[in-house]
Amino acid sequence: MSIITNDGVLASTRDIPNSGVGKTYNFCYELDLSFATPVDEDTFIIRSRCGNSARYGYLKF
């Protein structure tokens, strides 16, 4: 989040907690849609992989 004065000068900048804005991460995980199990009409359980490890989560449309 940035605060800009009336003169257009940048007064301060800070990260917004839990938003991912201003943060960079070096994750090697990539979305793997070869595994997508439907939970209901709009929700799927999906997998992301990094080498031999995997994480699972929900994808909702």
Protein backbone atom coordinates (compact mmCIF):
# COMPACT_ATOMS: atom_id res chain seq x y z
CA MET A 1 0.00 0.00 0.00
CA SER A 2 1.40 3.40 -0.92
CA ILE A 3 0.49 6.81 0.45
CA ILE A 4 0.86 9.64 -2.07
CA THR A 5 0.70 13.31 -1.06
CA ASN A 6 -1.47 15.92 -2.80
CA ASP A 7 1.66 16.95 -4.73
CA GLY A 8 1.99 13.44 -6.20
CA VAL A 9 5.03 12.57 -4.09
CA LEU A 10 5.31 9.07 -2.66
CA ALA A 11 5.13 9.52 1.15
CA SER A 12 5.37 5.89 2.29
CA THR A 13 4.98 2.31 1.12
CA ARG A 14 4.27 -0.82 3.12
CA ASP A 15 3.16 -4.40 2.42
CA ILE A 16 -0.48 -5.32 2.91
CA PRO A 17 -0.51 -8.30 5.31
CA ASN A 18 -1.71 -11.64 3.91
CA SER A 19 -2.35 -10.24 0.43
CA GLY A 20 0.84 -11.29 -1.33
CA VAL A 21 1.29 -7.72 -2.56
CA GLY A 22 4.91 -6.63 -2.31
CA LYS A 23 6.13 -10.13 -1.54
CA THR A 24 7.96 -12.44 -3.90
CA TYR A 25 8.38 -16.15 -3.33
CA ASN A 26 10.52 -18.65 -5.17
CA PHE A 27 8.30 -21.72 -5.22
CA CYS A 28 9.00 -24.46 -7.71
CA TYR A 29 5.43 -25.84 -7.44
CA GLU A 30 3.51 -26.00 -10.70
CA LEU A 31 -0.16 -26.74 -11.21
CA ASP A 32 -0.70 -30.34 -12.32
CA LEU A 33 -4.17 -30.69 -13.84
CA SER A 34 -3.69 -34.37 -14.66
CA PHE A 35 -5.21 -34.85 -11.21
CA ALA A 36 -8.49 -32.94 -10.83
CA THR A 37 -11.19 -34.62 -8.78
CA PRO A 38 -14.61 -32.94 -8.86
CA VAL A 39 -16.13 -32.17 -5.47
CA ASP A 40 -19.23 -30.50 -6.87
CA GLU A 41 -20.20 -28.65 -10.05
CA ASP A 42 -17.83 -25.70 -9.47
CA THR A 43 -15.15 -27.13 -7.12
CA PHE A 44 -12.25 -29.48 -7.80
CA ILE A 45 -9.42 -30.94 -5.72
CA ILE A 46 -6.20 -30.25 -7.63
CA ARG A 47 -2.51 -30.98 -7.22
CA SER A 48 0.63 -28.92 -7.58
CA ARG A 49 3.99 -30.66 -7.90
CA CYS A 50 7.61 -29.84 -7.20
CA GLY A 51 9.93 -32.71 -8.02
CA ASN A 52 8.75 -35.69 -5.97
CA SER A 53 6.59 -33.68 -3.56
CA ALA A 54 3.03 -32.52 -4.07
CA ARG A 55 0.46 -30.24 -2.45
CA TYR A 56 -3.29 -30.52 -2.81
CA GLY A 57 -5.94 -27.83 -2.65
CA TYR A 58 -9.32 -26.68 -3.86
CA LEU A 59 -10.00 -24.84 -7.10
CA LYS A 60 -13.39 -23.14 -7.24
CA PHE A 61 -14.92 -21.44 -10.28
